[in-house]
């Protein structure tokens, strides 16, 4: 007859909490923060992209509004 394996017991709650915070600290130590120069460059890229997308949306909105106005003028006559 085969022996039944007993399930592994979990460590007590305080040990699990300690392990959790120890893992958090080890992961925080692995973080590499960008330099101020890299942050400034990334911010500039984002701002330029926002301006470009805003201009494209403005152009599409203006063009479609003008096109819609022409269609409505033709439909009214």
Protein backbone atom coordinates (compact mmCIF):
# COMPACT_ATOMS: atom_id res chain seq x y z
CA UNK A 1 0.00 0.00 0.00
CA UNK A 2 1.37 3.41 -1.02
CA UNK A 3 2.00 6.02 1.61
CA UNK A 4 -0.14 9.11 1.32
CA UNK A 5 1.85 12.29 1.02
CA UNK A 6 0.90 14.89 3.55
CA UNK A 7 0.35 18.34 2.05
CA UNK A 8 3.11 20.82 2.78
CA UNK A 9 2.23 23.19 5.57
CA UNK A 10 2.36 26.87 4.80
CA UNK A 11 4.70 28.92 6.98
CA UNK A 12 2.97 30.95 9.65
CA UNK A 13 1.46 34.31 8.75
CA UNK A 14 4.31 36.40 10.17
CA UNK A 15 6.91 34.48 8.17
CA UNK A 16 4.84 34.90 4.96
CA UNK A 17 4.49 38.65 5.59
CA UNK A 18 8.24 38.91 6.23
CA UNK A 19 8.99 37.03 3.00
CA UNK A 20 6.60 39.31 1.11
CA UNK A 21 8.33 42.50 2.28
CA UNK A 22 11.77 40.97 1.72
CA UNK A 23 10.74 40.23 -1.90
CA UNK A 24 9.45 43.79 -2.31
CA UNK A 25 12.73 45.26 -1.11
CA UNK A 26 14.75 43.02 -3.43
CA UNK A 27 12.61 44.08 -6.40
CA UNK A 28 12.88 47.78 -5.51
CA UNK A 29 16.66 47.46 -5.55
CA UNK A 30 16.45 46.30 -9.20
CA UNK A 31 14.73 49.51 -10.37
CA UNK A 32 16.81 51.65 -12.72
CA UNK A 33 15.58 55.24 -12.76
CA UNK A 34 16.07 57.35 -15.92
CA UNK A 35 18.48 60.23 -15.85
CA UNK A 36 17.09 63.79 -15.85
CA UNK A 37 18.37 64.17 -19.42
CA UNK A 38 16.47 61.06 -20.58
CA UNK A 39 13.34 62.23 -18.77
CA UNK A 40 13.54 65.66 -20.40
CA UNK A 41 14.05 64.07 -23.84
CA UNK A 42 11.09 61.71 -23.36
CA UNK A 43 8.90 64.60 -22.21
CA UNK A 44 9.83 66.54 -25.35
CA UNK A 45 8.95 63.58 -27.58
CA UNK A 46 5.56 63.22 -25.88
CA UNK A 47 4.77 66.94 -26.21
CA UNK A 48 5.73 66.98 -29.88
CA UNK A 49 3.61 63.88 -30.53
CA UNK A 50 0.65 65.53 -28.79
CA UNK A 51 0.98 68.65 -30.94
CA UNK A 52 1.23 66.59 -34.16
CA UNK A 53 -1.81 64.48 -33.28
CA UNK A 54 -3.74 67.62 -32.29
CA UNK A 55 -2.96 69.28 -35.64
CA UNK A 56 -4.02 66.15 -37.54
CA UNK A 57 -7.30 65.92 -35.63
CA UNK A 58 -7.92 69.65 -36.13
CA UNK A 59 -7.29 69.28 -39.87
CA UNK A 60 -9.61 66.29 -40.18
CA UNK A 61 -12.32 68.02 -38.16
CA UNK A 62 -12.09 71.22 -40.22
CA UNK A 63 -12.05 69.31 -43.53
CA UNK A 64 -14.97 67.08 -42.63
CA UNK A 65 -16.94 70.06 -41.32
CA UNK A 66 -16.41 71.88 -44.63
CA UNK A 67 -17.34 68.75 -46.60
CA UNK A 68 -20.47 68.26 -44.50
CA UNK A 69 -21.39 71.92 -45.11
CA UNK A 70 -21.07 71.43 -48.90
CA UNK A 71 -23.22 68.30 -48.81
CA UNK A 72 -25.91 70.05 -46.78
CA UNK A 73 -25.89 73.07 -49.16
CA UNK A 74 -26.30 70.74 -52.15
CA UNK A 75 -29.07 68.80 -50.42
CA UNK A 76 -30.92 72.04 -49.52
CA UNK A 77 -31.17 73.22 -53.16
